[in-house]
Amino acid sequence: MTAVTRQDRSRGDDRGNAVELRPGDAGRLTLVLSGDWRIANGLAGTSDVEALLDGGRVRSLACEDGGLRGWDSALVSYLLKVRDLCAARDVRFDAGGLPPGIVRLIALARAVPVKADAARGGGAEPLTVRVGRAVLDNLRGADQAVSFLGEIMLGLGRLLVGRARFRRVDFLQAIEDAGAQALPIVTIVSLLVGLTVAFVGAIQLQQFGADIYVANLVGLAMTREMAALMTAIVLAGRTGAAYAAQLGTMQGNEEIDALSTIGISPIDFLVLPRVLALALMMPLLFIYSCFLGLLGGYIVGVAMLGLSGNAYIIQTVGALSMTDFWVGFVKSIVFGMLVAYAGALRGMQAGRSAQAVGVAATSAVVTSIVFIIVVDAVFAVMTNLLGI
C-alpha cells in the first residue's frame, strides 16, 4: 500500500486542509491532518478513507497532527464521519495524536446518545411490526394512565389529611388561568352556541307555529348538555394543552427529577393544584355558559322571531327544573377533572425534547376530548336509565 495525499484549497486563498493517509504494518493506518480546517475553507470528504477501509486490510486507524494551523467544527465533523466509518467496519479508531481540545469534543460527542424521540428510523418496517409496536405502546399507555390516576387519588387522600405539599400561590395562579382568563373565549363560544341552537330549532318549530318552544329547546340543551360540553372542549384546547406543555417543559429541563430528588412529590406539587383548580372553576364557568347560552336564545327569540321577552323567560323557567341544572353541574365537575388529568398525564409522559413537548400538548387535547365525549355518552345512558 502507498500513501495517499489529498489537499483542498479555498478559492483565491493559499490556505486549505490536507489529509495524508500512511499505511503501516499489521493493518495500521495513520491519518495525518494538516492545514487550516475551517468551515470557510470547505468541508472535506471521506471517500479516500472509505476506499482504504473497504479494502479489508485496515485493523486500526490513528489520527495525528501534521501541522494544524487552525480548526473549528469542520474538523470535528470530519473526524466523526471517519469514526463512524471505522465503527461500521470494526476498525479501531484512535484520535489521541490530535490536540486535546479535539479529543475532548470527539469524546463528548460519543458520550451523548441520540434521543429516541428526536428522530425516526429511516428504514421501513413491516406492517406487522408497526401494528405490534402500536398495540404494545397502547397497552403500556393504558397501564401508565391507570397508575397515574391512582397516584392522583393518593395525592387527594394526602391532601385531605393535610400531608400534600404545594404552594398556595401556584394554586391561585392555576385558578386564575383556568377561570378568569378563560372567560373571553367561553363568552364567545357559549353565546354563539345559544344563538345557533335557537336558529336551528326555530327553523323546524316555525313550520308548526310553535316558535315559543325555542325557549324550551335552548334551555334544556344548554343546561343539560351544551354548556358543560362546549366549556370542557374549550378548556381542553386552552388549559389542558397548557398543562401538558408546562409539565413537558419541566420534564425536559429535569425540574420534575429535581423535585423527586429533594423529596417533594411531583404529583402533590404540580398536578394537584391544576386538578383542583379546574374542578373548582369548571362549575362556575358552566353556570356562566348557561346564562350566555340562554341569552343567545333570548336574542333570537325576541329579535328574530318576534316573541315577547316576558313570554320567553316564563317559558324557559317552566321548561327547566333543578334536575336539569344539577345534571349539567355534575358533568362540568367531572369534565374539569378529566381535562386536568389528561393534560397532566401527557405532560408527565413527555420526552425531553422540544418536539416531544409539542406532541404532548397535541395528545392532551385529543385525549381530553375523547374522555369528554365518552363520559358524556355514559351520562346520557345513565340519566335515561334512571329517568332523570
Protein backbone atom coordinates (compact mmCIF):
# COMPACT_ATOMS: atom_id res chain seq x y z
CA MET A 1 0.00 0.00 0.00
CA THR A 2 1.22 3.56 -0.73
CA ALA A 3 0.46 6.81 0.97
CA VAL A 4 -2.48 8.79 -0.35
CA THR A 5 -2.49 12.57 -0.02
CA ARG A 6 -5.39 14.92 -0.71
CA GLN A 7 -5.37 18.68 -0.30
CA ASP A 8 -8.26 21.12 -0.62
CA ARG A 9 -7.71 24.80 -1.32
CA SER A 10 -10.21 27.57 -0.84
CA ARG A 11 -10.90 29.87 -3.77
CA GLY A 12 -8.35 32.68 -4.03
CA ASP A 13 -6.51 31.60 -0.86
CA ASP A 14 -3.36 29.55 -0.25
CA ARG A 15 -4.71 28.13 2.93
CA GLY A 16 -6.57 24.81 2.97
CA ASN A 17 -6.92 21.48 4.69
CA ALA A 18 -4.78 18.49 3.85
CA VAL A 19 -5.20 14.78 4.57
CA GLU A 20 -2.38 12.22 4.25
CA LEU A 21 -3.04 8.51 4.67
CA ARG A 22 0.00 6.48 5.70
CA PRO A 23 -0.44 2.69 5.68
CA GLY A 24 1.62 0.82 8.24
CA ASP A 25 2.35 -2.68 9.42
CA ALA A 26 -0.21 -5.07 10.95
CA GLY A 27 -3.15 -3.30 9.32
CA ARG A 28 -2.43 0.09 10.90
CA LEU A 29 -3.47 3.21 9.00
CA THR A 30 -2.33 6.69 10.07
CA LEU A 31 -4.43 9.73 9.21
CA VAL A 32 -2.23 12.85 9.18
CA LEU A 33 -4.15 16.13 9.22
CA SER A 34 -2.61 19.50 8.44
CA GLY A 35 -3.54 22.96 7.24
CA ASP A 36 -6.43 25.21 8.15
CA TRP A 37 -9.59 23.20 8.90
CA ARG A 38 -12.35 25.77 8.98
CA ILE A 39 -15.83 25.80 7.51
CA ALA A 40 -14.91 28.80 5.36
CA ASN A 41 -12.33 26.62 3.56
CA GLY A 42 -14.89 23.95 2.71
CA LEU A 43 -15.81 20.59 4.18
CA ALA A 44 -13.53 17.65 3.44
CA GLY A 45 -14.82 14.38 2.03
CA THR A 46 -14.07 10.91 3.37
CA SER A 47 -14.05 8.96 0.12
CA ASP A 48 -10.28 8.25 0.28
CA VAL A 49 -10.53 6.89 3.81
CA GLU A 50 -13.60 4.84 2.94
CA ALA A 51 -11.83 3.31 -0.06
CA LEU A 52 -8.90 2.11 2.05
CA LEU A 53 -11.18 0.81 4.81
CA ASP A 54 -13.22 -1.15 2.26
CA GLY A 55 -10.06 -2.97 1.22
CA GLY A 56 -10.38 -5.08 4.35
CA ARG A 57 -6.72 -4.82 5.37
CA VAL A 58 -7.03 -1.99 7.90
CA ARG A 59 -7.40 -3.06 11.53
CA SER A 60 -6.79 0.27 13.26
CA LEU A 61 -6.79 3.93 12.30
CA ALA A 62 -4.78 6.53 14.23
CA CYS A 63 -5.05 10.29 13.77
CA GLU A 64 -2.01 12.58 14.04
CA ASP A 65 -1.40 16.32 13.95
CA GLY A 66 0.70 17.08 10.86
CA GLY A 67 0.70 20.84 11.35
CA LEU A 68 -2.81 22.11 12.03
CA ARG A 69 -2.87 25.91 11.75
CA GLY A 70 -6.48 26.29 12.82
CA TRP A 71 -9.69 24.34 13.13
CA ASP A 72 -13.35 24.56 14.04
CA SER A 73 -16.39 22.28 13.79
CA ALA A 74 -15.40 21.33 10.23
CA LEU A 75 -12.54 19.19 11.57
CA VAL A 76 -14.66 17.66 14.32
CA SER A 77 -17.38 16.79 11.80
CA TYR A 78 -14.83 15.15 9.51
CA LEU A 79 -13.36 13.07 12.33
CA LEU A 80 -16.80 11.95 13.48
CA LYS A 81 -17.54 10.72 9.96
CA VAL A 82 -14.25 8.82 9.92
CA ARG A 83 -15.02 7.35 13.33
CA ASP A 84 -18.43 6.16 12.12
CA LEU A 85 -16.80 4.55 9.06
CA CYS A 86 -14.39 2.70 11.35
CA ALA A 87 -17.18 1.60 13.68
CA ALA A 88 -19.17 0.20 10.76
CA ARG A 89 -16.17 -1.93 9.67
CA ASP A 90 -14.99 -2.94 13.15
CA VAL A 91 -11.82 -0.87 12.82
CA ARG A 92 -10.31 0.63 15.98
CA PHE A 93 -10.29 4.43 15.90
CA ASP A 94 -7.68 6.41 17.86
CA ALA A 95 -7.67 10.24 17.96
CA GLY A 96 -5.01 10.50 20.66
CA GLY A 97 -2.47 12.16 18.36
CA LEU A 98 -4.61 15.27 17.85
CA PRO A 99 -4.80 18.41 20.03
CA PRO A 100 -6.54 17.84 23.41
CA GLY A 101 -9.47 20.10 22.51
CA ILE A 102 -10.39 17.98 19.51
CA VAL A 103 -10.06 14.77 21.53
CA ARG A 104 -12.42 16.13 24.20
CA LEU A 105 -15.03 17.19 21.65
CA ILE A 106 -14.97 13.77 19.99
CA ALA A 107 -15.30 12.05 23.36
CA LEU A 108 -18.21 14.33 24.27
CA ALA A 109 -19.99 13.56 21.00
CA ARG A 110 -19.54 9.86 21.69
CA ALA A 111 -20.83 10.17 25.27
CA VAL A 112 -24.16 11.82 24.36
CA PRO A 113 -26.56 9.31 22.73
CA VAL A 114 -29.22 10.29 20.22
CA LYS A 115 -32.57 10.75 21.91
CA ALA A 116 -35.13 8.15 20.98
CA ASP A 117 -37.85 10.76 20.37
CA ALA A 118 -35.64 13.19 18.43
CA ALA A 119 -35.64 11.30 15.12
CA ARG A 120 -37.28 8.39 13.43
CA GLY A 121 -35.54 5.48 11.81
CA GLY A 122 -35.16 5.75 8.08
CA GLY A 123 -35.84 2.12 7.23
CA ALA A 124 -39.36 0.98 6.51
CA GLU A 125 -40.69 -1.61 8.94
CA PRO A 126 -43.11 -4.38 8.05
CA LEU A 127 -46.78 -3.72 8.71
CA THR A 128 -46.99 -6.47 11.32
CA VAL A 129 -44.09 -4.94 13.26
CA ARG A 130 -45.71 -1.49 13.24
CA VAL A 131 -49.07 -2.89 14.33
CA GLY A 132 -47.49 -4.95 17.07
CA ARG A 133 -45.49 -1.99 18.34
CA ALA A 134 -48.61 0.21 18.31
CA VAL A 135 -50.57 -2.37 20.32
CA LEU A 136 -47.78 -2.71 22.89
CA ASP A 137 -47.45 1.08 23.15
CA ASN A 138 -51.18 1.42 23.73
CA LEU A 139 -51.13 -1.25 26.41
CA ARG A 140 -48.22 0.45 28.15
CA GLY A 141 -50.02 3.78 27.82
CA ALA A 142 -53.18 2.36 29.40
CA ASP A 143 -51.17 0.93 32.27
CA GLN A 144 -49.43 4.28 32.82
CA ALA A 145 -52.77 6.12 32.69
CA VAL A 146 -54.29 3.89 35.37
CA SER A 147 -51.17 4.20 37.52
CA PHE A 148 -51.20 7.98 37.15
CA LEU A 149 -54.86 8.10 38.13
CA GLY A 150 -54.04 6.06 41.22
CA GLU A 151 -51.23 8.46 42.13
CA ILE A 152 -53.64 11.41 41.83
CA MET A 153 -56.15 9.67 44.09
CA LEU A 154 -53.42 9.02 46.65
CA GLY A 155 -52.42 12.67 46.38
CA LEU A 156 -56.01 13.75 47.04
CA GLY A 157 -56.00 11.47 50.07
CA ARG A 158 -52.83 13.12 51.35
CA LEU A 159 -54.46 16.50 50.76
CA LEU A 160 -57.47 15.55 52.89
CA VAL A 161 -55.25 14.62 55.83
CA GLY A 162 -53.07 17.71 55.38
CA ARG A 163 -49.94 15.96 54.10
CA ALA A 164 -49.90 17.20 50.48
CA ARG A 165 -47.27 19.85 49.77
CA PHE A 166 -47.83 22.57 47.19
CA ARG A 167 -47.58 26.33 47.19
CA ARG A 168 -50.72 28.41 47.65
CA VAL A 169 -49.51 30.88 45.03
CA ASP A 170 -49.33 28.10 42.44
CA PHE A 171 -52.88 27.05 43.27
CA LEU A 172 -54.18 30.63 42.98
CA GLN A 173 -52.33 31.06 39.68
CA ALA A 174 -53.89 27.86 38.35
CA ILE A 175 -57.33 29.14 39.39
CA GLU A 176 -56.75 32.40 37.55
CA ASP A 177 -55.52 30.63 34.42
CA ALA A 178 -58.42 28.17 34.37
CA GLY A 179 -61.09 30.66 35.45
CA ALA A 180 -60.78 34.39 34.86
CA GLN A 181 -58.50 34.15 31.83
CA ALA A 182 -60.86 31.66 30.16
CA LEU A 183 -63.87 33.98 30.36
CA PRO A 184 -63.41 35.71 26.96
CA ILE A 185 -63.33 32.53 24.89
CA VAL A 186 -66.09 30.91 26.97
CA THR A 187 -68.22 34.04 26.46
CA ILE A 188 -67.88 33.96 22.69
CA VAL A 189 -68.41 30.21 22.32
CA SER A 190 -71.38 29.98 24.72
CA LEU A 191 -73.23 32.94 23.24
CA LEU A 192 -72.77 31.66 19.70
CA VAL A 193 -73.84 28.14 20.68
CA GLY A 194 -77.03 29.53 22.19
CA LEU A 195 -77.70 31.55 19.05
CA THR A 196 -77.03 28.53 16.81
CA VAL A 197 -79.27 26.16 18.77
CA ALA A 198 -82.07 28.73 18.71
CA PHE A 199 -81.73 29.28 14.96
CA VAL A 200 -81.74 25.54 14.21
CA GLY A 201 -84.77 24.97 16.45
CA ALA A 202 -86.66 27.94 15.08
CA ILE A 203 -86.37 26.69 11.50
CA GLN A 204 -88.17 23.47 12.43
CA LEU A 205 -90.61 24.83 15.02
CA GLN A 206 -91.86 27.64 12.79
CA GLN A 207 -93.34 25.01 10.47
CA PHE A 208 -95.78 24.08 13.24
CA GLY A 209 -96.35 27.55 14.63
CA ALA A 210 -94.55 26.56 17.84
CA ASP A 211 -91.97 29.36 17.94
CA ILE A 212 -92.29 29.74 21.70
CA TYR A 213 -90.85 26.28 22.26
CA VAL A 214 -87.48 27.58 21.12
CA ALA A 215 -87.12 28.62 24.77
CA ASN A 216 -87.60 25.00 25.88
CA LEU A 217 -85.10 23.72 23.34
CA VAL A 218 -82.38 26.23 24.18
CA GLY A 219 -82.90 25.94 27.95
CA LEU A 220 -82.72 22.14 28.07
CA ALA A 221 -79.89 21.89 25.54
CA MET A 222 -77.69 24.40 27.34
CA THR A 223 -78.23 23.24 30.92
CA ARG A 224 -78.08 19.50 30.32
CA GLU A 225 -75.53 19.23 27.50
CA MET A 226 -74.07 22.11 25.58
CA ALA A 227 -72.86 24.41 28.36
CA ALA A 228 -70.80 21.74 30.12
CA LEU A 229 -69.71 20.04 26.90
CA MET A 230 -68.57 23.13 24.98
CA THR A 231 -66.88 24.69 28.00
CA ALA A 232 -64.97 21.47 28.61
CA ILE A 233 -63.86 21.26 24.97
CA VAL A 234 -62.72 24.89 25.03
CA LEU A 235 -60.72 24.30 28.21
CA ALA A 236 -59.25 21.11 26.75
CA GLY A 237 -57.77 23.11 23.88
CA ARG A 238 -56.75 26.03 26.06
CA THR A 239 -55.93 24.89 29.59
CA GLY A 240 -55.32 21.15 29.09
CA ALA A 241 -52.77 21.80 26.34
CA ALA A 242 -51.11 24.45 28.50
CA TYR A 243 -50.78 21.98 31.39
CA ALA A 244 -49.17 19.42 29.09
CA ALA A 245 -46.75 21.98 27.66
CA GLN A 246 -45.78 23.29 31.10
CA LEU A 247 -45.15 19.89 32.62
CA GLY A 248 -43.47 18.64 29.45
CA THR A 249 -41.06 21.58 29.54
CA MET A 250 -40.33 20.88 33.20
CA GLN A 251 -39.69 17.27 32.27
CA GLY A 252 -37.21 18.33 29.61
CA ASN A 253 -35.46 20.73 31.99
CA GLU A 254 -35.26 17.97 34.64
CA GLU A 255 -37.21 20.11 37.12
CA ILE A 256 -39.50 17.20 37.93
CA ASP A 257 -36.48 14.99 38.61
CA ALA A 258 -35.13 17.70 40.89
CA LEU A 259 -38.38 17.74 42.90
CA SER A 260 -38.23 13.97 43.35
CA THR A 261 -34.56 14.20 44.37
CA ILE A 262 -35.27 16.64 47.22
CA GLY A 263 -38.19 14.53 48.45
CA ILE A 264 -41.16 16.51 47.06
CA SER A 265 -43.84 14.55 45.24
CA PRO A 266 -44.38 15.97 41.71
CA ILE A 267 -47.99 14.79 41.90
CA ASP A 268 -48.65 16.84 45.02
CA PHE A 269 -46.62 19.87 43.99
CA LEU A 270 -47.52 20.14 40.28
CA VAL A 271 -50.57 18.03 39.45
CA LEU A 272 -52.92 18.51 42.41
CA PRO A 273 -53.12 22.33 42.14
CA ARG A 274 -54.07 22.04 38.48
CA VAL A 275 -56.66 19.32 39.01
CA LEU A 276 -58.28 21.16 41.92
CA ALA A 277 -58.27 24.47 40.04
CA LEU A 278 -60.13 23.05 37.05
CA ALA A 279 -62.51 21.06 39.27
CA LEU A 280 -63.43 24.31 41.06
CA MET A 281 -63.58 26.61 38.04
CA MET A 282 -65.49 24.37 35.64
CA PRO A 283 -68.80 24.55 37.60
CA LEU A 284 -68.56 28.34 37.74
CA LEU A 285 -67.80 28.51 34.03
CA PHE A 286 -70.71 26.12 33.43
CA ILE A 287 -73.13 28.50 35.19
CA TYR A 288 -71.71 31.42 33.22
CA SER A 289 -72.01 29.45 29.98
CA CYS A 290 -75.62 28.52 30.73
CA PHE A 291 -76.52 32.17 31.25
CA LEU A 292 -74.88 33.24 27.99
CA GLY A 293 -76.45 30.37 26.05
CA LEU A 294 -79.89 31.30 27.34
CA LEU A 295 -79.13 34.93 26.47
CA GLY A 296 -78.30 33.87 22.91
CA GLY A 297 -81.62 32.03 22.64
CA TYR A 298 -83.43 35.05 24.10
CA ILE A 299 -81.87 37.32 21.46
CA VAL A 300 -83.02 35.04 18.64
CA GLY A 301 -86.49 34.56 20.14
CA VAL A 302 -87.15 38.24 20.73
CA ALA A 303 -85.23 39.93 17.92
CA MET A 304 -85.70 37.36 15.12
CA LEU A 305 -88.93 35.52 15.96
CA GLY A 306 -90.80 38.48 17.44
CA LEU A 307 -91.61 36.74 20.72
CA SER A 308 -92.35 38.69 23.88
CA GLY A 309 -89.42 38.92 26.26
CA ASN A 310 -91.58 38.10 29.29
CA ALA A 311 -93.20 35.16 27.50
CA TYR A 312 -89.79 33.78 26.53
CA ILE A 313 -88.50 34.00 30.10
CA ILE A 314 -91.66 32.42 31.55
CA GLN A 315 -91.49 29.58 29.02
CA THR A 316 -87.80 28.97 29.85
CA VAL A 317 -88.43 28.89 33.61
CA GLY A 318 -91.34 26.49 33.14
CA ALA A 319 -89.32 24.16 30.92
CA LEU A 320 -86.33 23.85 33.24
CA SER A 321 -86.03 22.12 36.58
CA MET A 322 -83.26 21.86 39.14
CA THR A 323 -82.67 18.30 38.00
CA ASP A 324 -81.65 19.56 34.56
CA PHE A 325 -79.29 22.05 36.16
CA TRP A 326 -77.69 19.51 38.51
CA VAL A 327 -77.09 17.05 35.66
CA GLY A 328 -75.05 19.66 33.81
CA PHE A 329 -73.39 20.85 37.02
CA VAL A 330 -72.12 17.38 37.91
CA LYS A 331 -70.96 16.87 34.33
CA SER A 332 -68.93 20.08 34.49
CA ILE A 333 -67.06 18.92 37.60
CA VAL A 334 -66.22 15.56 36.03
CA PHE A 335 -65.22 17.17 32.73
CA GLY A 336 -62.94 19.63 34.51
CA MET A 337 -61.11 16.86 36.34
CA LEU A 338 -60.78 14.87 33.11
CA VAL A 339 -59.24 17.82 31.26
CA ALA A 340 -56.74 18.42 34.07
CA TYR A 341 -55.97 14.70 34.32
CA ALA A 342 -55.34 14.32 30.57
CA GLY A 343 -53.16 17.43 30.41
CA ALA A 344 -51.08 16.43 33.43
CA LEU A 345 -50.78 12.83 32.20
CA ARG A 346 -49.44 13.78 28.78
CA GLY A 347 -47.14 16.38 30.28
CA MET A 348 -45.60 13.91 32.74
CA GLN A 349 -45.21 11.35 29.92
CA ALA A 350 -43.48 13.84 27.59
CA GLY A 351 -39.99 13.21 26.32
CA ARG A 352 -37.06 15.54 26.82
CA SER A 353 -37.08 17.46 23.54
CA ALA A 354 -38.95 20.41 22.04
CA GLN A 355 -40.74 18.09 19.61
CA ALA A 356 -41.90 15.89 22.49
CA VAL A 357 -43.46 18.90 24.24
CA GLY A 358 -45.46 19.73 21.13
CA VAL A 359 -46.59 16.12 20.80
CA ALA A 360 -47.63 16.10 24.47
CA ALA A 361 -49.75 19.25 24.06
CA THR A 362 -51.49 17.84 20.97
CA SER A 363 -52.04 14.49 22.63
CA ALA A 364 -53.50 16.19 25.71
CA VAL A 365 -56.18 17.91 23.62
CA VAL A 366 -57.09 14.71 21.76
CA THR A 367 -57.17 12.64 24.94
CA SER A 368 -59.29 15.22 26.77
CA ILE A 369 -61.88 15.43 24.00
CA VAL A 370 -62.13 11.63 23.72
CA PHE A 371 -62.58 11.34 27.50
CA ILE A 372 -65.22 14.07 27.47
CA ILE A 373 -67.26 12.51 24.67
CA VAL A 374 -67.10 9.03 26.21
CA VAL A 375 -68.09 10.23 29.68
CA ASP A 376 -70.87 12.39 28.23
CA ALA A 377 -72.27 9.32 26.47
CA VAL A 378 -72.11 7.40 29.75
CA PHE A 379 -74.01 10.23 31.47
CA ALA A 380 -76.66 10.17 28.74
CA VAL A 381 -77.22 6.43 29.14
CA MET A 382 -77.29 6.62 32.95
CA THR A 383 -79.74 9.54 33.07
CA ASN A 384 -82.00 7.76 30.58
CA LEU A 385 -81.97 4.55 32.61
CA LEU A 386 -82.64 6.45 35.83
CA GLY A 387 -85.37 8.51 34.20
CA ILE A 388 -83.67 11.79 35.07
